[in-house]
């Protein structure tokens, strides 16, 4: 957490800032190349900033320039990685 929220320096919607998000990752891999067909992962609920930081790590760069949507696709050895950002169930909206 930053001090901005406590001092009023954060101009985002307080409900949006309190919302939790999950990051979903699906790797689709050619089993003949990698020896497996891929894997999937769903992150624990986190703040939007933390979730976007995870997306950035998974992409190997900053996700914000392409954040018009909430899905990113990248090539990985032998296949493709799809990453999505979605509100966590039960989070404030």
PDB file of N, CA and C in Angstrom:
ATOM      1  N   UNK A   1       0.840  -1.182   0.000  1.00  0.00           N
ATOM      2  CA  UNK A   1       0.000   0.000   0.000  1.00  0.00           C
ATOM      3  C   UNK A   1       0.880   1.238   0.000  1.00  0.00           C
ATOM      4  N   UNK A   2       0.364   2.271  -0.591  1.00  0.00           N
ATOM      5  CA  UNK A   2       1.115   3.516  -0.603  1.00  0.00           C
ATOM      6  C   UNK A   2       0.461   4.514   0.329  1.00  0.00           C
ATOM      7  N   UNK A   3       1.208   5.545   0.643  1.00  0.00           N
ATOM      8  CA  UNK A   3       0.682   6.596   1.500  1.00  0.00           C
ATOM      9  C   UNK A   3      -0.317   7.463   0.750  1.00  0.00           C
ATOM     10  N   UNK A   4      -0.345   7.386  -0.590  1.00  0.00           N
ATOM     11  CA  UNK A   4      -1.254   8.219  -1.363  1.00  0.00           C
ATOM     12  C   UNK A   4      -2.696   8.000  -0.976  1.00  0.00           C
ATOM     13  N   UNK A   5      -3.093   6.736  -0.793  1.00  0.00           N
ATOM     14  CA  UNK A   5      -4.473   6.447  -0.433  1.00  0.00           C
ATOM     15  C   UNK A   5      -4.846   7.058   0.908  1.00  0.00           C
ATOM     16  N   UNK A   6      -3.931   7.069   1.844  1.00  0.00           N
ATOM     17  CA  UNK A   6      -4.202   7.609   3.162  1.00  0.00           C
ATOM     18  C   UNK A   6      -4.226   9.135   3.155  1.00  0.00           C
ATOM     19  N   UNK A   7      -3.492   9.763   2.254  1.00  0.00           N
ATOM     20  CA  UNK A   7      -3.411  11.218   2.248  1.00  0.00           C
ATOM     21  C   UNK A   7      -4.331  11.864   1.232  1.00  0.00           C
ATOM     22  N   UNK A   8      -5.064  11.046   0.457  1.00  0.00           N
ATOM     23  CA  UNK A   8      -5.966  11.602  -0.533  1.00  0.00           C
ATOM     24  C   UNK A   8      -5.272  11.924  -1.846  1.00  0.00           C
ATOM     25  N   UNK A   9      -4.015  11.550  -2.037  1.00  0.00           N
ATOM     26  CA  UNK A   9      -3.298  11.849  -3.262  1.00  0.00           C
ATOM     27  C   UNK A   9      -3.652  10.916  -4.409  1.00  0.00           C
ATOM     28  N   UNK A  10      -4.440   9.889  -4.145  1.00  0.00           N
ATOM     29  CA  UNK A  10      -4.826   8.931  -5.177  1.00  0.00           C
ATOM     30  C   UNK A  10      -6.168   9.371  -5.749  1.00  0.00           C
ATOM     31  N   UNK A  11      -6.197   9.714  -7.045  1.00  0.00           N
ATOM     32  CA  UNK A  11      -7.426  10.234  -7.629  1.00  0.00           C
ATOM     33  C   UNK A  11      -8.276   9.156  -8.297  1.00  0.00           C
ATOM     34  N   UNK A  12      -7.961   7.874  -8.091  1.00  0.00           N
ATOM     35  CA  UNK A  12      -8.790   6.795  -8.625  1.00  0.00           C
ATOM     36  C   UNK A  12     -10.045   6.648  -7.788  1.00  0.00           C
ATOM     37  N   UNK A  13     -11.057   6.019  -8.371  1.00  0.00           N
ATOM     38  CA  UNK A  13     -12.291   5.705  -7.674  1.00  0.00           C
ATOM     39  C   UNK A  13     -11.972   4.785  -6.496  1.00  0.00           C
ATOM     40  N   UNK A  14     -12.358   5.161  -5.268  1.00  0.00           N
ATOM     41  CA  UNK A  14     -12.018   4.328  -4.098  1.00  0.00           C
ATOM     42  C   UNK A  14     -12.567   2.904  -4.210  1.00  0.00           C
ATOM     43  N   UNK A  15     -13.753   2.728  -4.809  1.00  0.00           N
ATOM     44  CA  UNK A  15     -14.287   1.376  -4.967  1.00  0.00           C
ATOM     45  C   UNK A  15     -13.442   0.571  -5.938  1.00  0.00           C
ATOM     46  N   UNK A  16     -12.986   1.205  -7.008  1.00  0.00           N
ATOM     47  CA  UNK A  16     -12.135   0.499  -7.967  1.00  0.00           C
ATOM     48  C   UNK A  16     -10.806   0.136  -7.321  1.00  0.00           C
ATOM     49  N   UNK A  17     -10.280   1.037  -6.500  1.00  0.00           N
ATOM     50  CA  UNK A  17      -9.002   0.760  -5.839  1.00  0.00           C
ATOM     51  C   UNK A  17      -9.136  -0.396  -4.856  1.00  0.00           C
ATOM     52  N   UNK A  18     -10.329  -0.571  -4.266  1.00  0.00           N
ATOM     53  CA  UNK A  18     -10.541  -1.632  -3.287  1.00  0.00           C
ATOM     54  C   UNK A  18     -10.881  -2.959  -3.953  1.00  0.00           C
ATOM     55  N   UNK A  19     -11.176  -2.956  -5.248  1.00  0.00           N
ATOM     56  CA  UNK A  19     -11.536  -4.176  -5.950  1.00  0.00           C
ATOM     57  C   UNK A  19     -10.346  -5.115  -6.029  1.00  0.00           C
ATOM     58  N   UNK A  20     -10.645  -6.395  -6.032  1.00  0.00           N
ATOM     59  CA  UNK A  20      -9.608  -7.407  -6.160  1.00  0.00           C
ATOM     60  C   UNK A  20      -9.702  -8.062  -7.525  1.00  0.00           C
ATOM     61  N   UNK A  21      -8.560  -8.469  -8.056  1.00  0.00           N
ATOM     62  CA  UNK A  21      -8.472  -9.061  -9.378  1.00  0.00           C
ATOM     63  C   UNK A  21      -7.704 -10.366  -9.323  1.00  0.00           C
ATOM     64  N   UNK A  22      -7.991 -11.242 -10.277  1.00  0.00           N
ATOM     65  CA  UNK A  22      -7.222 -12.459 -10.440  1.00  0.00           C
ATOM     66  C   UNK A  22      -6.583 -12.440 -11.827  1.00  0.00           C
ATOM     67  N   UNK A  23      -5.425 -13.054 -11.911  1.00  0.00           N
ATOM     68  CA  UNK A  23      -4.722 -13.210 -13.180  1.00  0.00           C
ATOM     69  C   UNK A  23      -4.831 -14.686 -13.557  1.00  0.00           C
ATOM     70  N   UNK A  24      -5.305 -14.930 -14.766  1.00  0.00           N
ATOM     71  CA  UNK A  24      -5.393 -16.304 -15.277  1.00  0.00           C
ATOM     72  C   UNK A  24      -4.382 -16.468 -16.396  1.00  0.00           C
ATOM     73  N   UNK A  25      -3.640 -17.558 -16.341  1.00  0.00           N
ATOM     74  CA  UNK A  25      -2.613 -17.837 -17.342  1.00  0.00           C
ATOM     75  C   UNK A  25      -2.901 -19.207 -17.937  1.00  0.00           C
ATOM     76  N   UNK A  26      -2.907 -19.282 -19.256  1.00  0.00           N
ATOM     77  CA  UNK A  26      -3.076 -20.555 -19.949  1.00  0.00           C
ATOM     78  C   UNK A  26      -1.948 -20.696 -20.963  1.00  0.00           C
ATOM     79  N   UNK A  27      -1.100 -21.694 -20.771  1.00  0.00           N
ATOM     80  CA  UNK A  27      -0.052 -22.006 -21.742  1.00  0.00           C
ATOM     81  C   UNK A  27      -0.529 -23.176 -22.587  1.00  0.00           C
ATOM     82  N   UNK A  28      -0.613 -22.949 -23.880  1.00  0.00           N
ATOM     83  CA  UNK A  28      -0.953 -24.021 -24.822  1.00  0.00           C
ATOM     84  C   UNK A  28       0.322 -24.358 -25.575  1.00  0.00           C
ATOM     85  N   UNK A  29       0.803 -25.572 -25.345  1.00  0.00           N
ATOM     86  CA  UNK A  29       2.107 -25.994 -25.845  1.00  0.00           C
ATOM     87  C   UNK A  29       1.939 -27.240 -26.720  1.00  0.00           C
ATOM     88  N   UNK A  30       2.739 -27.339 -27.763  1.00  0.00           N
ATOM     89  CA  UNK A  30       2.771 -28.530 -28.598  1.00  0.00           C
ATOM     90  C   UNK A  30       3.488 -29.632 -27.820  1.00  0.00           C
ATOM     91  N   UNK A  31       2.735 -30.665 -27.461  1.00  0.00           N
ATOM     92  CA  UNK A  31       3.287 -31.757 -26.661  1.00  0.00           C
ATOM     93  C   UNK A  31       4.455 -32.471 -27.319  1.00  0.00           C
ATOM     94  N   UNK A  32       4.478 -32.507 -28.645  1.00  0.00           N
ATOM     95  CA  UNK A  32       5.585 -33.174 -29.340  1.00  0.00           C
ATOM     96  C   UNK A  32       6.889 -32.405 -29.157  1.00  0.00           C
ATOM     97  N   UNK A  33       6.800 -31.111 -28.952  1.00  0.00           N
ATOM     98  CA  UNK A  33       7.992 -30.283 -28.768  1.00  0.00           C
ATOM     99  C   UNK A  33       8.423 -30.249 -27.302  1.00  0.00           C
ATOM    100  N   UNK A  34       7.462 -30.010 -26.417  1.00  0.00           N
ATOM    101  CA  UNK A  34       7.799 -29.778 -25.013  1.00  0.00           C
ATOM    102  C   UNK A  34       7.634 -30.992 -24.109  1.00  0.00           C
ATOM    103  N   UNK A  35       6.961 -32.025 -24.587  1.00  0.00           N
ATOM    104  CA  UNK A  35       6.735 -33.194 -23.742  1.00  0.00           C
ATOM    105  C   UNK A  35       5.519 -33.037 -22.836  1.00  0.00           C
ATOM    106  N   UNK A  36       4.798 -31.920 -22.958  1.00  0.00           N
ATOM    107  CA  UNK A  36       3.550 -31.714 -22.226  1.00  0.00           C
ATOM    108  C   UNK A  36       2.692 -30.743 -23.039  1.00  0.00           C
ATOM    109  N   UNK A  37       1.410 -30.688 -22.713  1.00  0.00           N
ATOM    110  CA  UNK A  37       0.480 -29.858 -23.490  1.00  0.00           C
ATOM    111  C   UNK A  37       0.277 -28.466 -22.915  1.00  0.00           C
ATOM    112  N   UNK A  38       1.026 -28.103 -21.896  1.00  0.00           N
ATOM    113  CA  UNK A  38       0.888 -26.780 -21.299  1.00  0.00           C
ATOM    114  C   UNK A  38       0.374 -26.865 -19.882  1.00  0.00           C
ATOM    115  N   UNK A  39      -0.016 -25.718 -19.352  1.00  0.00           N
ATOM    116  CA  UNK A  39      -0.518 -25.679 -17.983  1.00  0.00           C
ATOM    117  C   UNK A  39      -1.375 -24.432 -17.813  1.00  0.00           C
ATOM    118  N   UNK A  40      -2.030 -24.358 -16.668  1.00  0.00           N
ATOM    119  CA  UNK A  40      -2.877 -23.215 -16.359  1.00  0.00           C
ATOM    120  C   UNK A  40      -2.613 -22.788 -14.917  1.00  0.00           C
ATOM    121  N   UNK A  41      -2.853 -21.503 -14.657  1.00  0.00           N
ATOM    122  CA  UNK A  41      -2.637 -20.956 -13.322  1.00  0.00           C
ATOM    123  C   UNK A  41      -3.651 -19.854 -13.089  1.00  0.00           C
ATOM    124  N   UNK A  42      -4.188 -19.776 -11.875  1.00  0.00           N
ATOM    125  CA  UNK A  42      -5.046 -18.668 -11.449  1.00  0.00           C
ATOM    126  C   UNK A  42      -4.436 -18.106 -10.183  1.00  0.00           C
ATOM    127  N   UNK A  43      -4.141 -16.803 -10.200  1.00  0.00           N
ATOM    128  CA  UNK A  43      -3.511 -16.175  -9.040  1.00  0.00           C
ATOM    129  C   UNK A  43      -4.520 -15.998  -7.908  1.00  0.00           C
ATOM    130  N   UNK A  44      -4.032 -15.826  -6.702  1.00  0.00           N
ATOM    131  CA  UNK A  44      -4.925 -15.432  -5.614  1.00  0.00           C
ATOM    132  C   UNK A  44      -5.421 -14.006  -5.876  1.00  0.00           C
ATOM    133  N   UNK A  45      -6.564 -13.631  -5.324  1.00  0.00           N
ATOM    134  CA  UNK A  45      -7.048 -12.257  -5.504  1.00  0.00           C
ATOM    135  C   UNK A  45      -6.027 -11.241  -4.990  1.00  0.00           C
ATOM    136  N   UNK A  46      -5.890 -10.151  -5.746  1.00  0.00           N
ATOM    137  CA  UNK A  46      -4.932  -9.100  -5.394  1.00  0.00           C
ATOM    138  C   UNK A  46      -5.462  -7.761  -5.887  1.00  0.00           C
ATOM    139  N   UNK A  47      -4.853  -6.688  -5.417  1.00  0.00           N
ATOM    140  CA  UNK A  47      -5.233  -5.362  -5.896  1.00  0.00           C
ATOM    141  C   UNK A  47      -4.943  -5.270  -7.393  1.00  0.00           C
ATOM    142  N   UNK A  48      -5.551  -4.312  -8.066  1.00  0.00           N
ATOM    143  CA  UNK A  48      -5.348  -4.155  -9.509  1.00  0.00           C
ATOM    144  C   UNK A  48      -3.872  -3.907  -9.829  1.00  0.00           C
ATOM    145  N   UNK A  49      -3.227  -3.053  -9.052  1.00  0.00           N
ATOM    146  CA  UNK A  49      -1.811  -2.758  -9.296  1.00  0.00           C
ATOM    147  C   UNK A  49      -0.941  -4.000  -9.136  1.00  0.00           C
ATOM    148  N   UNK A  50      -1.210  -4.797  -8.104  1.00  0.00           N
ATOM    149  CA  UNK A  50      -0.432  -6.030  -7.904  1.00  0.00           C
ATOM    150  C   UNK A  50      -0.703  -7.030  -9.011  1.00  0.00           C
ATOM    151  N   UNK A  51      -1.964  -7.133  -9.427  1.00  0.00           N
ATOM    152  CA  UNK A  51      -2.304  -8.058 -10.506  1.00  0.00           C
ATOM    153  C   UNK A  51      -1.624  -7.629 -11.804  1.00  0.00           C
ATOM    154  N   UNK A  52      -1.614  -6.325 -12.093  1.00  0.00           N
ATOM    155  CA  UNK A  52      -0.939  -5.837 -13.296  1.00  0.00           C
ATOM    156  C   UNK A  52       0.570  -6.047 -13.210  1.00  0.00           C
ATOM    157  N   UNK A  53       1.129  -5.953 -12.017  1.00  0.00           N
ATOM    158  CA  UNK A  53       2.565  -6.227 -11.852  1.00  0.00           C
ATOM    159  C   UNK A  53       2.858  -7.687 -12.193  1.00  0.00           C
ATOM    160  N   UNK A  54       1.986  -8.595 -11.768  1.00  0.00           N
ATOM    161  CA  UNK A  54       2.157 -10.009 -12.104  1.00  0.00           C
ATOM    162  C   UNK A  54       2.039 -10.212 -13.616  1.00  0.00           C
ATOM    163  N   UNK A  55       1.057  -9.558 -14.239  1.00  0.00           N
ATOM    164  CA  UNK A  55       0.916  -9.650 -15.693  1.00  0.00           C
ATOM    165  C   UNK A  55       2.204  -9.181 -16.362  1.00  0.00           C
ATOM    166  N   UNK A  56       2.762  -8.069 -15.881  1.00  0.00           N
ATOM    167  CA  UNK A  56       4.011  -7.560 -16.439  1.00  0.00           C
ATOM    168  C   UNK A  56       5.140  -8.563 -16.327  1.00  0.00           C
ATOM    169  N   UNK A  57       5.241  -9.242 -15.189  1.00  0.00           N
ATOM    170  CA  UNK A  57       6.280 -10.266 -15.020  1.00  0.00           C
ATOM    171  C   UNK A  57       6.080 -11.430 -15.993  1.00  0.00           C
ATOM    172  N   UNK A  58       4.837 -11.835 -16.148  1.00  0.00           N
ATOM    173  CA  UNK A  58       4.552 -12.960 -17.041  1.00  0.00           C
ATOM    174  C   UNK A  58       4.775 -12.610 -18.512  1.00  0.00           C
ATOM    175  N   UNK A  59       4.593 -11.327 -18.849  1.00  0.00           N
ATOM    176  CA  UNK A  59       4.808 -10.875 -20.228  1.00  0.00           C
ATOM    177  C   UNK A  59       6.254 -10.515 -20.496  1.00  0.00           C
ATOM    178  N   UNK A  60       6.995 -10.246 -19.446  1.00  0.00           N
ATOM    179  CA  UNK A  60       8.371  -9.796 -19.629  1.00  0.00           C
ATOM    180  C   UNK A  60       8.454  -8.307 -19.899  1.00  0.00           C
ATOM    181  N   UNK A  61       7.431  -7.563 -19.516  1.00  0.00           N
ATOM    182  CA  UNK A  61       7.427  -6.115 -19.711  1.00  0.00           C
ATOM    183  C   UNK A  61       6.197  -5.490 -19.092  1.00  0.00           C
ATOM    184  N   UNK A  62       6.054  -4.195 -19.246  1.00  0.00           N
ATOM    185  CA  UNK A  62       4.953  -3.431 -18.664  1.00  0.00           C
ATOM    186  C   UNK A  62       3.663  -3.666 -19.441  1.00  0.00           C
ATOM    187  N   UNK A  63       2.584  -4.147 -18.787  1.00  0.00           N
ATOM    188  CA  UNK A  63       1.344  -4.421 -19.509  1.00  0.00           C
ATOM    189  C   UNK A  63       0.494  -3.184 -19.773  1.00  0.00           C
ATOM    190  N   UNK A  64       0.793  -2.067 -19.139  1.00  0.00           N
ATOM    191  CA  UNK A  64      -0.099  -0.907 -19.227  1.00  0.00           C
ATOM    192  C   UNK A  64      -0.302  -0.343 -20.636  1.00  0.00           C
ATOM    193  N   UNK A  65       0.710  -0.297 -21.510  1.00  0.00           N
ATOM    194  CA  UNK A  65       0.455   0.264 -22.837  1.00  0.00           C
ATOM    195  C   UNK A  65      -0.601  -0.491 -23.642  1.00  0.00           C
ATOM    196  N   UNK A  66      -0.810  -1.761 -23.361  1.00  0.00           N
ATOM    197  CA  UNK A  66      -1.791  -2.537 -24.112  1.00  0.00           C
ATOM    198  C   UNK A  66      -2.989  -2.891 -23.236  1.00  0.00           C
ATOM    199  N   UNK A  67      -3.274  -2.069 -22.241  1.00  0.00           N
ATOM    200  CA  UNK A  67      -4.304  -2.415 -21.273  1.00  0.00           C
ATOM    201  C   UNK A  67      -5.698  -1.972 -21.711  1.00  0.00           C
ATOM    202  N   UNK A  68      -5.924  -1.717 -23.006  1.00  0.00           N
ATOM    203  CA  UNK A  68      -7.264  -1.383 -23.466  1.00  0.00           C
ATOM    204  C   UNK A  68      -8.218  -2.524 -23.177  1.00  0.00           C
ATOM    205  N   UNK A  69      -7.742  -3.739 -23.327  1.00  0.00           N
ATOM    206  CA  UNK A  69      -8.512  -4.918 -22.971  1.00  0.00           C
ATOM    207  C   UNK A  69      -7.921  -5.505 -21.718  1.00  0.00           C
ATOM    208  N   UNK A  70      -8.337  -6.681 -21.404  1.00  0.00           N
ATOM    209  CA  UNK A  70      -7.797  -7.328 -20.215  1.00  0.00           C
ATOM    210  C   UNK A  70      -7.236  -8.692 -20.569  1.00  0.00           C
ATOM    211  N   UNK A  71      -6.712  -8.815 -21.798  1.00  0.00           N
ATOM    212  CA  UNK A  71      -6.116 -10.076 -22.232  1.00  0.00           C
ATOM    213  C   UNK A  71      -4.868  -9.790 -23.051  1.00  0.00           C
ATOM    214  N   UNK A  72      -3.863 -10.614 -22.847  1.00  0.00           N
ATOM    215  CA  UNK A  72      -2.598 -10.496 -23.557  1.00  0.00           C
ATOM    216  C   UNK A  72      -2.201 -11.880 -24.049  1.00  0.00           C
ATOM    217  N   UNK A  73      -1.568 -11.939 -25.208  1.00  0.00           N
ATOM    218  CA  UNK A  73      -1.085 -13.202 -25.755  1.00  0.00           C
ATOM    219  C   UNK A  73       0.367 -13.027 -26.160  1.00  0.00           C
ATOM    220  N   UNK A  74       1.180 -14.016 -25.810  1.00  0.00           N
ATOM    221  CA  UNK A  74       2.597 -13.997 -26.165  1.00  0.00           C
ATOM    222  C   UNK A  74       3.019 -15.385 -26.641  1.00  0.00           C
ATOM    223  N   UNK A  75       3.959 -15.399 -27.551  1.00  0.00           N
ATOM    224  CA  UNK A  75       4.551 -16.665 -27.978  1.00  0.00           C
ATOM    225  C   UNK A  75       5.486 -17.159 -26.881  1.00  0.00           C
ATOM    226  N   UNK A  76       5.443 -18.443 -26.636  1.00  0.00           N
ATOM    227  CA  UNK A  76       6.388 -19.097 -25.732  1.00  0.00           C
ATOM    228  C   UNK A  76       6.961 -20.281 -26.502  1.00  0.00           C
ATOM    229  N   UNK A  77       8.111 -20.805 -26.099  1.00  0.00           N
ATOM    230  CA  UNK A  77       8.689 -21.929 -26.837  1.00  0.00           C
ATOM    231  C   UNK A  77       7.686 -23.073 -26.989  1.00  0.00           C
ATOM    232  N   UNK A  78       7.362 -23.388 -28.226  1.00  0.00           N
ATOM    233  CA  UNK A  78       6.459 -24.493 -28.519  1.00  0.00           C
ATOM    234  C   UNK A  78       4.984 -24.158 -28.464  1.00  0.00           C
ATOM    235  N   UNK A  79       4.636 -22.899 -28.234  1.00  0.00           N
ATOM    236  CA  UNK A  79       3.213 -22.593 -28.148  1.00  0.00           C
ATOM    237  C   UNK A  79       2.892 -21.140 -27.877  1.00  0.00           C
ATOM    238  N   UNK A  80       1.853 -20.944 -27.101  1.00  0.00           N
ATOM    239  CA  UNK A  80       1.322 -19.611 -26.855  1.00  0.00           C
ATOM    240  C   UNK A  80       0.864 -19.483 -25.405  1.00  0.00           C
ATOM    241  N   UNK A  81       1.081 -18.308 -24.818  1.00  0.00           N
ATOM    242  CA  UNK A  81       0.622 -17.993 -23.462  1.00  0.00           C
ATOM    243  C   UNK A  81      -0.461 -16.926 -23.567  1.00  0.00           C
ATOM    244  N   UNK A  82      -1.600 -17.190 -22.940  1.00  0.00           N
ATOM    245  CA  UNK A  82      -2.682 -16.219 -22.865  1.00  0.00           C
ATOM    246  C   UNK A  82      -2.860 -15.834 -21.403  1.00  0.00           C
ATOM    247  N   UNK A  83      -2.878 -14.530 -21.154  1.00  0.00           N
ATOM    248  CA  UNK A  83      -3.011 -14.002 -19.797  1.00  0.00           C
ATOM    249  C   UNK A  83      -4.246 -13.107 -19.774  1.00  0.00           C
ATOM    250  N   UNK A  84      -5.109 -13.312 -18.785  1.00  0.00           N
ATOM    251  CA  UNK A  84      -6.279 -12.452 -18.641  1.00  0.00           C
ATOM    252  C   UNK A  84      -6.334 -11.892 -17.228  1.00  0.00           C
ATOM    253  N   UNK A  85      -6.911 -10.732 -17.119  1.00  0.00           N
ATOM    254  CA  UNK A  85      -7.109 -10.043 -15.843  1.00  0.00           C
ATOM    255  C   UNK A  85      -8.601  -9.898 -15.653  1.00  0.00           C
ATOM    256  N   UNK A  86      -9.127 -10.363 -14.531  1.00  0.00           N
ATOM    257  CA  UNK A  86     -10.571 -10.322 -14.291  1.00  0.00           C
ATOM    258  C   UNK A  86     -10.843  -9.992 -12.828  1.00  0.00           C
ATOM    259  N   UNK A  87     -11.976  -9.340 -12.551  1.00  0.00           N
ATOM    260  CA  UNK A  87     -12.341  -9.102 -11.154  1.00  0.00           C
ATOM    261  C   UNK A  87     -12.508 -10.435 -10.422  1.00  0.00           C
ATOM    262  N   UNK A  88     -12.043 -10.462  -9.198  1.00  0.00           N
ATOM    263  CA  UNK A  88     -12.213 -11.660  -8.365  1.00  0.00           C
ATOM    264  C   UNK A  88     -13.672 -11.737  -7.950  1.00  0.00           C
ATOM    265  N   UNK A  89     -14.156 -12.929  -7.807  1.00  0.00           N
ATOM    266  CA  UNK A  89     -15.542 -13.104  -7.338  1.00  0.00           C
ATOM    267  C   UNK A  89     -15.665 -12.536  -5.936  1.00  0.00           C
ATOM    268  N   UNK A  90     -16.737 -11.798  -5.726  1.00  0.00           N
ATOM    269  CA  UNK A  90     -16.998 -11.264  -4.391  1.00  0.00           C
ATOM    270  C   UNK A  90     -16.245  -9.989  -4.054  1.00  0.00           C
ATOM    271  N   UNK A  91     -15.451  -9.437  -5.010  1.00  0.00           N
ATOM    272  CA  UNK A  91     -14.733  -8.195  -4.705  1.00  0.00           C
ATOM    273  C   UNK A  91     -15.664  -7.014  -4.896  1.00  0.00           C
ATOM    274  N   UNK A  92     -15.327  -5.899  -4.280  1.00  0.00           N
ATOM    275  CA  UNK A  92     -16.114  -4.677  -4.396  1.00  0.00           C
ATOM    276  C   UNK A  92     -16.101  -4.208  -5.840  1.00  0.00           C
ATOM    277  N   UNK A  93     -17.224  -3.742  -6.333  1.00  0.00           N
ATOM    278  CA  UNK A  93     -17.280  -3.260  -7.710  1.00  0.00           C
ATOM    279  C   UNK A  93     -17.753  -1.855  -7.767  1.00  0.00           C
TER     280      UNK A  93
END
